[in-house]
Amino acid sequence: MQVCFVPGMLALGVEEGIVTGAAADRHMRAAEALVRTCFDSYDQQASKIGPEFMTFPAGGGIGVGDASYKLRPEMIESLFVMWRVTKDEKYREWGWQSFEAIERHCRVAEGGYAALLDVRNPAAREDKMESFFLAETLKYLYLLFSDDDALAISGRRAPGEFFVFNTECHPIRSWA
């Protein structure tokens, strides 16, 4: 679910003071609603893992578009950012539930992890583990449960005391 990075992006805009006032409130409400939708797309599957993309049928609810799971990080990334910004414990709870589902359905005995062909039937796996799983998904899970000083993300700290992440979750110390 590649668009599930959006809640974290919105929350960071507020956290960094880029969005202020009434717009900041709207952005945070949107971030909270969107991350809830992303989590619900996980929670509603038998595997507790979300599909590659979802649909929104006219009658309501969340539908499955592409039922595969390619070990993507975007929802976990947003949980990490939402936790750091709000300190709402539900984001860690959702992250732990997601981690347990990944361990249960994607970890392979030979070592490593495998993508799922269908999140509704997690027994069918694809013999493939993209590099972003290790570089991003597991790193964001680790950071979700770490202290805030482990790779601090807030620009409200002094220059050199916080990090930004590139698109592959590699931390870069900020000197701005």
N, C-alpha and C. Protein backbone atom coordinates (compact mmCIF):
# COMPACT_ATOMS: atom_id res chain seq x y z
N MET A 1 0.80 -1.16 0.00
CA MET A 1 0.00 0.00 0.00
C MET A 1 0.86 1.24 0.00
N GLN A 2 1.27 1.60 -1.16
CA GLN A 2 2.24 2.67 -1.32
C GLN A 2 1.74 4.02 -0.85
N VAL A 3 0.45 4.29 -0.88
CA VAL A 3 -0.05 5.60 -0.47
C VAL A 3 -0.14 5.74 1.05
N CYS A 4 0.11 4.70 1.78
CA CYS A 4 -0.02 4.78 3.23
C CYS A 4 1.13 5.54 3.89
N PHE A 5 2.04 6.11 3.11
CA PHE A 5 3.04 7.01 3.66
C PHE A 5 2.43 8.40 3.93
N VAL A 6 1.29 8.71 3.31
CA VAL A 6 0.70 10.05 3.38
C VAL A 6 0.39 10.48 4.82
N PRO A 7 -0.16 9.63 5.70
CA PRO A 7 -0.41 10.10 7.06
C PRO A 7 0.85 10.60 7.75
N GLY A 8 1.94 9.89 7.60
CA GLY A 8 3.20 10.32 8.20
C GLY A 8 3.68 11.64 7.61
N MET A 9 3.53 11.79 6.30
CA MET A 9 3.93 13.04 5.64
C MET A 9 3.12 14.21 6.18
N LEU A 10 1.81 14.04 6.33
CA LEU A 10 0.97 15.11 6.86
C LEU A 10 1.37 15.46 8.30
N ALA A 11 1.59 14.44 9.11
CA ALA A 11 1.95 14.67 10.51
C ALA A 11 3.31 15.37 10.62
N LEU A 12 4.25 15.01 9.77
CA LEU A 12 5.56 15.68 9.80
C LEU A 12 5.44 17.15 9.42
N GLY A 13 4.56 17.46 8.47
CA GLY A 13 4.34 18.85 8.10
C GLY A 13 3.87 19.68 9.27
N VAL A 14 3.02 19.09 10.09
CA VAL A 14 2.54 19.78 11.29
C VAL A 14 3.65 19.85 12.33
N GLU A 15 4.30 18.74 12.58
CA GLU A 15 5.37 18.66 13.58
C GLU A 15 6.48 19.67 13.30
N GLU A 16 6.80 19.87 12.05
CA GLU A 16 7.88 20.78 11.68
C GLU A 16 7.44 22.23 11.58
N GLY A 17 6.15 22.49 11.79
CA GLY A 17 5.67 23.86 11.72
C GLY A 17 5.48 24.39 10.32
N ILE A 18 5.50 23.51 9.33
CA ILE A 18 5.26 23.91 7.94
C ILE A 18 3.79 24.23 7.75
N VAL A 19 2.94 23.48 8.45
CA VAL A 19 1.49 23.71 8.42
C VAL A 19 1.09 24.13 9.83
N THR A 20 0.38 25.26 9.94
CA THR A 20 0.05 25.79 11.26
C THR A 20 -1.43 26.15 11.35
N GLY A 21 -1.86 26.50 12.55
CA GLY A 21 -3.21 26.99 12.77
C GLY A 21 -4.28 25.96 12.46
N ALA A 22 -5.39 26.43 11.89
CA ALA A 22 -6.52 25.57 11.56
C ALA A 22 -6.13 24.51 10.54
N ALA A 23 -5.23 24.87 9.62
CA ALA A 23 -4.77 23.89 8.62
C ALA A 23 -4.04 22.74 9.29
N ALA A 24 -3.28 23.03 10.35
CA ALA A 24 -2.57 21.97 11.08
C ALA A 24 -3.56 21.00 11.70
N ASP A 25 -4.63 21.51 12.26
CA ASP A 25 -5.66 20.64 12.84
C ASP A 25 -6.28 19.76 11.76
N ARG A 26 -6.58 20.33 10.61
CA ARG A 26 -7.14 19.54 9.50
C ARG A 26 -6.15 18.47 9.04
N HIS A 27 -4.88 18.84 8.93
CA HIS A 27 -3.87 17.87 8.50
C HIS A 27 -3.74 16.71 9.48
N MET A 28 -3.77 17.02 10.78
CA MET A 28 -3.65 15.95 11.77
C MET A 28 -4.89 15.07 11.78
N ARG A 29 -6.07 15.66 11.64
CA ARG A 29 -7.29 14.83 11.56
C ARG A 29 -7.23 13.93 10.33
N ALA A 30 -6.78 14.49 9.21
CA ALA A 30 -6.66 13.69 7.98
C ALA A 30 -5.62 12.59 8.17
N ALA A 31 -4.49 12.91 8.78
CA ALA A 31 -3.44 11.91 9.02
C ALA A 31 -3.98 10.77 9.88
N GLU A 32 -4.70 11.11 10.95
CA GLU A 32 -5.24 10.09 11.84
C GLU A 32 -6.28 9.22 11.14
N ALA A 33 -7.13 9.84 10.32
CA ALA A 33 -8.14 9.07 9.59
C ALA A 33 -7.50 8.18 8.52
N LEU A 34 -6.51 8.70 7.83
CA LEU A 34 -5.86 7.92 6.77
C LEU A 34 -5.06 6.75 7.34
N VAL A 35 -4.33 6.98 8.44
CA VAL A 35 -3.56 5.87 9.00
C VAL A 35 -4.51 4.82 9.56
N ARG A 36 -5.67 5.25 10.07
CA ARG A 36 -6.68 4.29 10.54
C ARG A 36 -7.17 3.44 9.37
N THR A 37 -7.42 4.08 8.22
CA THR A 37 -7.86 3.34 7.03
C THR A 37 -6.80 2.35 6.59
N CYS A 38 -5.54 2.78 6.60
CA CYS A 38 -4.45 1.87 6.22
C CYS A 38 -4.39 0.69 7.17
N PHE A 39 -4.47 0.96 8.47
CA PHE A 39 -4.45 -0.13 9.44
C PHE A 39 -5.66 -1.04 9.25
N ASP A 40 -6.84 -0.46 9.04
CA ASP A 40 -8.04 -1.27 8.83
C ASP A 40 -7.89 -2.20 7.64
N SER A 41 -7.18 -1.74 6.60
CA SER A 41 -6.98 -2.62 5.44
C SER A 41 -6.15 -3.84 5.82
N TYR A 42 -5.32 -3.71 6.85
CA TYR A 42 -4.58 -4.84 7.38
C TYR A 42 -5.49 -5.68 8.27
N ASP A 43 -6.13 -5.01 9.21
CA ASP A 43 -6.90 -5.68 10.24
C ASP A 43 -8.07 -6.49 9.68
N GLN A 44 -8.59 -6.10 8.53
CA GLN A 44 -9.75 -6.79 7.95
C GLN A 44 -9.40 -8.04 7.16
N GLN A 45 -8.13 -8.30 6.97
CA GLN A 45 -7.72 -9.49 6.21
C GLN A 45 -7.50 -10.67 7.15
N ALA A 46 -7.69 -11.86 6.65
CA ALA A 46 -7.47 -13.06 7.46
C ALA A 46 -6.03 -13.10 7.99
N SER A 47 -5.09 -12.62 7.19
CA SER A 47 -3.68 -12.64 7.57
C SER A 47 -3.30 -11.50 8.50
N LYS A 48 -4.17 -10.48 8.62
CA LYS A 48 -3.87 -9.24 9.34
C LYS A 48 -2.76 -8.44 8.66
N ILE A 49 -2.62 -8.67 7.35
CA ILE A 49 -1.67 -7.95 6.51
C ILE A 49 -2.46 -7.32 5.37
N GLY A 50 -2.14 -6.07 5.08
CA GLY A 50 -2.90 -5.34 4.05
C GLY A 50 -2.50 -5.69 2.63
N PRO A 51 -3.43 -5.49 1.70
CA PRO A 51 -3.17 -5.78 0.29
C PRO A 51 -2.29 -4.70 -0.35
N GLU A 52 -1.77 -5.01 -1.51
CA GLU A 52 -0.95 -4.06 -2.27
C GLU A 52 -1.72 -2.77 -2.55
N PHE A 53 -2.96 -2.89 -2.91
CA PHE A 53 -3.81 -1.70 -2.95
C PHE A 53 -5.24 -2.08 -2.64
N MET A 54 -5.98 -1.08 -2.17
CA MET A 54 -7.35 -1.31 -1.74
C MET A 54 -8.29 -0.48 -2.61
N THR A 55 -9.55 -0.84 -2.54
CA THR A 55 -10.59 -0.09 -3.24
C THR A 55 -11.63 0.35 -2.22
N PHE A 56 -12.45 1.28 -2.63
CA PHE A 56 -13.51 1.76 -1.75
C PHE A 56 -14.82 1.65 -2.50
N PRO A 57 -15.49 0.51 -2.35
CA PRO A 57 -16.75 0.27 -3.06
C PRO A 57 -17.80 1.32 -2.72
N ALA A 58 -18.71 1.55 -3.66
CA ALA A 58 -19.76 2.56 -3.48
C ALA A 58 -20.61 2.30 -2.24
N GLY A 59 -20.79 1.04 -1.86
CA GLY A 59 -21.59 0.70 -0.69
C GLY A 59 -20.87 0.91 0.62
N GLY A 60 -19.60 1.32 0.58
CA GLY A 60 -18.83 1.54 1.80
C GLY A 60 -17.85 0.42 2.07
N GLY A 61 -17.03 0.61 3.04
CA GLY A 61 -16.04 -0.37 3.43
C GLY A 61 -14.77 -0.28 2.61
N ILE A 62 -13.92 -1.27 2.82
CA ILE A 62 -12.64 -1.35 2.11
C ILE A 62 -12.62 -2.63 1.31
N GLY A 63 -12.34 -2.53 0.03
CA GLY A 63 -12.22 -3.70 -0.82
C GLY A 63 -10.76 -3.99 -1.13
N VAL A 64 -10.51 -5.16 -1.65
CA VAL A 64 -9.16 -5.56 -2.02
C VAL A 64 -9.00 -5.38 -3.52
N GLY A 65 -8.01 -4.58 -3.92
CA GLY A 65 -7.69 -4.41 -5.33
C GLY A 65 -6.71 -5.50 -5.74
N ASP A 66 -5.43 -5.28 -5.49
CA ASP A 66 -4.39 -6.29 -5.70
C ASP A 66 -4.15 -6.93 -4.34
N ALA A 67 -4.41 -8.21 -4.22
CA ALA A 67 -4.39 -8.89 -2.93
C ALA A 67 -3.00 -9.27 -2.45
N SER A 68 -1.96 -9.01 -3.22
CA SER A 68 -0.62 -9.40 -2.80
C SER A 68 -0.08 -8.46 -1.72
N TYR A 69 0.96 -8.94 -1.01
CA TYR A 69 1.69 -8.12 -0.06
C TYR A 69 3.16 -8.30 -0.37
N LYS A 70 3.80 -7.23 -0.75
CA LYS A 70 5.18 -7.28 -1.20
C LYS A 70 6.18 -6.84 -0.13
N LEU A 71 5.74 -6.89 1.13
CA LEU A 71 6.57 -6.54 2.29
C LEU A 71 6.87 -5.04 2.36
N ARG A 72 5.96 -4.23 1.87
CA ARG A 72 6.16 -2.78 1.79
C ARG A 72 6.14 -2.11 3.16
N PRO A 73 6.84 -0.97 3.27
CA PRO A 73 7.00 -0.28 4.56
C PRO A 73 6.03 0.86 4.83
N GLU A 74 5.26 1.32 3.88
CA GLU A 74 4.58 2.61 4.01
C GLU A 74 3.65 2.72 5.22
N MET A 75 2.87 1.70 5.50
CA MET A 75 1.96 1.79 6.64
C MET A 75 2.76 1.81 7.94
N ILE A 76 3.80 0.99 8.03
CA ILE A 76 4.64 0.95 9.23
C ILE A 76 5.35 2.30 9.41
N GLU A 77 5.80 2.89 8.31
CA GLU A 77 6.43 4.21 8.37
C GLU A 77 5.49 5.24 8.98
N SER A 78 4.24 5.24 8.54
CA SER A 78 3.28 6.19 9.09
C SER A 78 2.98 5.91 10.55
N LEU A 79 2.93 4.65 10.95
CA LEU A 79 2.73 4.33 12.37
C LEU A 79 3.88 4.90 13.20
N PHE A 80 5.11 4.74 12.70
CA PHE A 80 6.29 5.28 13.39
C PHE A 80 6.18 6.79 13.55
N VAL A 81 5.89 7.50 12.47
CA VAL A 81 5.81 8.96 12.54
C VAL A 81 4.65 9.39 13.44
N MET A 82 3.50 8.74 13.29
CA MET A 82 2.35 9.11 14.12
C MET A 82 2.66 8.88 15.60
N TRP A 83 3.36 7.81 15.92
CA TRP A 83 3.75 7.57 17.31
C TRP A 83 4.66 8.69 17.81
N ARG A 84 5.68 9.02 17.02
CA ARG A 84 6.64 10.04 17.45
C ARG A 84 5.96 11.40 17.62
N VAL A 85 4.98 11.71 16.78
CA VAL A 85 4.33 13.02 16.83
C VAL A 85 3.26 13.09 17.91
N THR A 86 2.45 12.02 18.06
CA THR A 86 1.29 12.08 18.96
C THR A 86 1.48 11.37 20.29
N LYS A 87 2.37 10.39 20.34
CA LYS A 87 2.56 9.53 21.52
C LYS A 87 1.30 8.72 21.85
N ASP A 88 0.43 8.53 20.89
CA ASP A 88 -0.77 7.72 21.09
C ASP A 88 -0.35 6.25 21.00
N GLU A 89 -0.51 5.53 22.09
CA GLU A 89 -0.05 4.14 22.21
C GLU A 89 -0.66 3.21 21.15
N LYS A 90 -1.82 3.58 20.57
CA LYS A 90 -2.45 2.69 19.59
C LYS A 90 -1.53 2.46 18.39
N TYR A 91 -0.68 3.42 18.07
CA TYR A 91 0.20 3.25 16.91
C TYR A 91 1.24 2.17 17.16
N ARG A 92 1.72 2.08 18.39
CA ARG A 92 2.62 0.98 18.72
C ARG A 92 1.86 -0.35 18.74
N GLU A 93 0.64 -0.35 19.26
CA GLU A 93 -0.17 -1.57 19.28
C GLU A 93 -0.42 -2.06 17.85
N TRP A 94 -0.78 -1.16 16.95
CA TRP A 94 -1.03 -1.54 15.56
C TRP A 94 0.27 -2.04 14.90
N GLY A 95 1.37 -1.40 15.23
CA GLY A 95 2.66 -1.83 14.70
C GLY A 95 3.03 -3.23 15.17
N TRP A 96 2.77 -3.50 16.45
CA TRP A 96 3.09 -4.82 16.99
C TRP A 96 2.20 -5.89 16.35
N GLN A 97 0.92 -5.58 16.19
CA GLN A 97 0.02 -6.52 15.52
C GLN A 97 0.50 -6.81 14.10
N SER A 98 0.94 -5.77 13.40
CA SER A 98 1.43 -5.95 12.03
C SER A 98 2.71 -6.77 12.02
N PHE A 99 3.61 -6.49 12.95
CA PHE A 99 4.85 -7.26 13.05
C PHE A 99 4.56 -8.74 13.29
N GLU A 100 3.66 -9.03 14.23
CA GLU A 100 3.33 -10.43 14.52
C GLU A 100 2.74 -11.12 13.29
N ALA A 101 1.92 -10.42 12.53
CA ALA A 101 1.33 -11.01 11.32
C ALA A 101 2.41 -11.28 10.27
N ILE A 102 3.33 -10.36 10.11
CA ILE A 102 4.44 -10.56 9.15
C ILE A 102 5.28 -11.75 9.59
N GLU A 103 5.59 -11.83 10.87
CA GLU A 103 6.37 -12.97 11.38
C GLU A 103 5.63 -14.29 11.14
N ARG A 104 4.33 -14.29 11.39
CA ARG A 104 3.53 -15.51 11.27
C ARG A 104 3.39 -15.97 9.82
N HIS A 105 3.19 -15.03 8.91
CA HIS A 105 2.83 -15.41 7.55
C HIS A 105 3.93 -15.22 6.50
N CYS A 106 4.92 -14.41 6.79
CA CYS A 106 5.93 -14.10 5.76
C CYS A 106 7.31 -14.69 6.06
N ARG A 107 7.60 -14.96 7.31
CA ARG A 107 8.92 -15.51 7.65
C ARG A 107 9.01 -16.94 7.14
N VAL A 108 10.14 -17.28 6.55
CA VAL A 108 10.33 -18.63 6.03
C VAL A 108 11.40 -19.34 6.84
N ALA A 109 11.25 -20.65 6.97
CA ALA A 109 12.13 -21.46 7.81
C ALA A 109 13.58 -21.40 7.33
N GLU A 110 13.77 -21.23 6.04
CA GLU A 110 15.11 -21.23 5.48
C GLU A 110 15.86 -19.93 5.79
N GLY A 111 15.18 -18.98 6.37
CA GLY A 111 15.76 -17.67 6.67
C GLY A 111 15.20 -16.63 5.70
N GLY A 112 14.89 -15.51 6.22
CA GLY A 112 14.34 -14.45 5.39
C GLY A 112 12.82 -14.43 5.45
N TYR A 113 12.26 -13.65 4.53
CA TYR A 113 10.82 -13.44 4.47
C TYR A 113 10.36 -13.55 3.03
N ALA A 114 9.12 -13.91 2.85
CA ALA A 114 8.56 -14.04 1.51
C ALA A 114 7.32 -13.18 1.38
N ALA A 115 7.15 -12.60 0.21
CA ALA A 115 5.94 -11.82 -0.09
C ALA A 115 4.75 -12.77 -0.15
N LEU A 116 3.57 -12.22 0.07
CA LEU A 116 2.35 -13.03 -0.03
C LEU A 116 1.67 -12.79 -1.38
N LEU A 117 1.16 -13.85 -1.96
CA LEU A 117 0.41 -13.72 -3.21
C LEU A 117 -1.00 -13.21 -2.96
N ASP A 118 -1.55 -13.55 -1.78
CA ASP A 118 -2.91 -13.13 -1.46
C ASP A 118 -3.06 -13.01 0.05
N VAL A 119 -3.28 -11.80 0.54
CA VAL A 119 -3.39 -11.58 1.98
C VAL A 119 -4.61 -12.27 2.58
N ARG A 120 -5.56 -12.65 1.73
CA ARG A 120 -6.74 -13.35 2.23
C ARG A 120 -6.46 -14.84 2.41
N ASN A 121 -5.40 -15.33 1.76
CA ASN A 121 -4.97 -16.72 1.85
C ASN A 121 -3.45 -16.73 2.00
N PRO A 122 -2.95 -16.50 3.22
CA PRO A 122 -1.51 -16.28 3.40
C PRO A 122 -0.63 -17.51 3.19
N ALA A 123 -1.22 -18.66 2.92
CA ALA A 123 -0.40 -19.84 2.67
C ALA A 123 0.34 -19.74 1.34
N ALA A 124 -0.18 -18.96 0.41
CA ALA A 124 0.43 -18.82 -0.91
C ALA A 124 1.46 -17.69 -0.87
N ARG A 125 2.73 -18.05 -1.02
CA ARG A 125 3.83 -17.08 -0.95
C ARG A 125 4.55 -16.96 -2.28
N GLU A 126 5.16 -15.82 -2.43
CA GLU A 126 6.04 -15.59 -3.58
C GLU A 126 7.47 -15.70 -3.06
N ASP A 127 8.32 -16.44 -3.76
CA ASP A 127 9.69 -16.64 -3.31
C ASP A 127 10.52 -15.40 -3.63
N LYS A 128 10.20 -14.32 -2.91
CA LYS A 128 10.85 -13.05 -3.20
C LYS A 128 10.80 -12.16 -1.96
N MET A 129 11.93 -11.54 -1.65
CA MET A 129 12.01 -10.56 -0.58
C MET A 129 12.73 -9.34 -1.13
N GLU A 130 11.98 -8.26 -1.30
CA GLU A 130 12.58 -7.02 -1.80
C GLU A 130 13.52 -6.43 -0.76
N SER A 131 14.55 -5.72 -1.21
CA SER A 131 15.53 -5.14 -0.29
C SER A 131 14.89 -4.10 0.62
N PHE A 132 13.82 -3.44 0.18
CA PHE A 132 13.21 -2.42 1.04
C PHE A 132 12.61 -3.02 2.30
N PHE A 133 12.36 -4.32 2.32
CA PHE A 133 11.82 -4.93 3.53
C PHE A 133 12.82 -4.78 4.68
N LEU A 134 14.07 -5.10 4.42
CA LEU A 134 15.09 -4.96 5.46
C LEU A 134 15.44 -3.49 5.69
N ALA A 135 15.60 -2.74 4.62
CA ALA A 135 16.04 -1.35 4.72
C ALA A 135 14.98 -0.45 5.32
N GLU A 136 13.71 -0.74 5.09
CA GLU A 136 12.66 0.17 5.54
C GLU A 136 11.69 -0.48 6.53
N THR A 137 11.00 -1.52 6.11
CA THR A 137 9.93 -2.09 6.94
C THR A 137 10.44 -2.47 8.32
N LEU A 138 11.50 -3.26 8.37
CA LEU A 138 12.01 -3.68 9.68
C LEU A 138 12.65 -2.52 10.44
N LYS A 139 13.28 -1.58 9.72
CA LYS A 139 13.88 -0.42 10.40
C LYS A 139 12.80 0.46 11.04
N TYR A 140 11.72 0.70 10.30
CA TYR A 140 10.64 1.50 10.89
C TYR A 140 10.00 0.78 12.07
N LEU A 141 9.88 -0.54 12.01
CA LEU A 141 9.36 -1.28 13.16
C LEU A 141 10.29 -1.12 14.36
N TYR A 142 11.58 -1.24 14.12
CA TYR A 142 12.55 -1.06 15.21
C TYR A 142 12.42 0.34 15.82
N LEU A 143 12.36 1.36 14.96
CA LEU A 143 12.28 2.74 15.45
C LEU A 143 10.95 3.02 16.16
N LEU A 144 9.89 2.35 15.73
CA LEU A 144 8.59 2.53 16.38
C LEU A 144 8.66 2.17 17.86
N PHE A 145 9.49 1.19 18.20
CA PHE A 145 9.58 0.73 19.58
C PHE A 145 10.84 1.21 20.30
N SER A 146 11.61 2.07 19.66
CA SER A 146 12.83 2.60 20.27
C SER A 146 12.53 3.90 21.01
N ASP A 147 13.49 4.36 21.78
CA ASP A 147 13.38 5.67 22.42
C ASP A 147 13.41 6.76 21.35
N ASP A 148 12.82 7.90 21.67
CA ASP A 148 12.78 9.00 20.71
C ASP A 148 14.18 9.51 20.32
N ASP A 149 15.14 9.33 21.19
CA ASP A 149 16.49 9.80 20.87
C ASP A 149 17.20 8.91 19.85
N ALA A 150 16.67 7.71 19.63
CA ALA A 150 17.23 6.85 18.58
C ALA A 150 16.75 7.41 17.25
N LEU A 151 17.61 8.08 16.56
CA LEU A 151 17.28 8.73 15.29
C LEU A 151 16.10 9.70 15.46
N ALA A 152 16.32 10.72 16.24
CA ALA A 152 15.31 11.75 16.46
C ALA A 152 14.90 12.36 15.12
N ILE A 153 13.60 12.63 14.95
CA ILE A 153 13.11 13.13 13.66
C ILE A 153 12.60 14.56 13.71
N SER A 154 12.58 15.18 14.86
CA SER A 154 11.99 16.51 14.95
C SER A 154 13.01 17.60 14.66
N GLY A 155 12.68 18.46 13.71
CA GLY A 155 13.51 19.60 13.39
C GLY A 155 13.45 20.68 14.45
N ARG A 156 12.66 20.45 15.48
CA ARG A 156 12.58 21.42 16.57
C ARG A 156 13.77 21.26 17.52
N ARG A 157 14.64 20.36 17.19
CA ARG A 157 15.88 20.19 17.95
C ARG A 157 16.97 21.04 17.31
N ALA A 158 18.09 21.13 17.98
CA ALA A 158 19.21 21.91 17.44
C ALA A 158 19.76 21.23 16.18
N PRO A 159 20.32 22.01 15.25
CA PRO A 159 20.94 21.42 14.06
C PRO A 159 21.95 20.34 14.45
N GLY A 160 21.93 19.26 13.72
CA GLY A 160 22.81 18.14 13.99
C GLY A 160 22.27 17.13 14.98
N GLU A 161 21.16 17.45 15.64
CA GLU A 161 20.59 16.55 16.64
C GLU A 161 19.38 15.78 16.15
N PHE A 162 19.05 15.91 14.87
CA PHE A 162 17.92 15.15 14.34
C PHE A 162 18.26 14.67 12.94
N PHE A 163 17.42 13.76 12.46
CA PHE A 163 17.67 13.10 11.18
C PHE A 163 16.48 13.26 10.25
N VAL A 164 16.76 13.20 8.97
CA VAL A 164 15.74 13.03 7.95
C VAL A 164 16.05 11.70 7.29
N PHE A 165 15.04 11.10 6.68
CA PHE A 165 15.22 9.81 6.02
C PHE A 165 15.06 10.00 4.53
N ASN A 166 15.92 9.33 3.75
CA ASN A 166 15.69 9.35 2.32
C ASN A 166 14.59 8.34 1.99
N THR A 167 14.31 8.14 0.73
CA THR A 167 13.18 7.29 0.36
C THR A 167 13.39 5.82 0.70
N GLU A 168 14.59 5.43 1.06
CA GLU A 168 14.85 4.04 1.46
C GLU A 168 15.12 3.94 2.96
N CYS A 169 14.69 4.95 3.73
CA CYS A 169 14.81 4.97 5.20
C CYS A 169 16.26 5.00 5.68
N HIS A 170 17.14 5.56 4.87
CA HIS A 170 18.52 5.74 5.32
C HIS A 170 18.57 7.09 6.04
N PRO A 171 19.01 7.11 7.31
CA PRO A 171 19.02 8.36 8.06
C PRO A 171 20.15 9.29 7.60
N ILE A 172 19.82 10.56 7.50
CA ILE A 172 20.79 11.59 7.14
C ILE A 172 20.69 12.67 8.21
N ARG A 173 21.82 12.94 8.86
CA ARG A 173 21.82 13.97 9.90
C ARG A 173 21.52 15.31 9.27
N SER A 174 20.62 16.05 9.88
CA SER A 174 20.26 17.37 9.37
C SER A 174 21.07 18.44 10.06
N TRP A 175 21.64 19.33 9.26
CA TRP A 175 22.41 20.43 9.82
C TRP A 175 21.73 21.76 9.56
N ALA A 176 20.49 21.72 9.13
CA ALA A 176 19.76 22.97 8.85
C ALA A 176 19.06 23.49 10.06
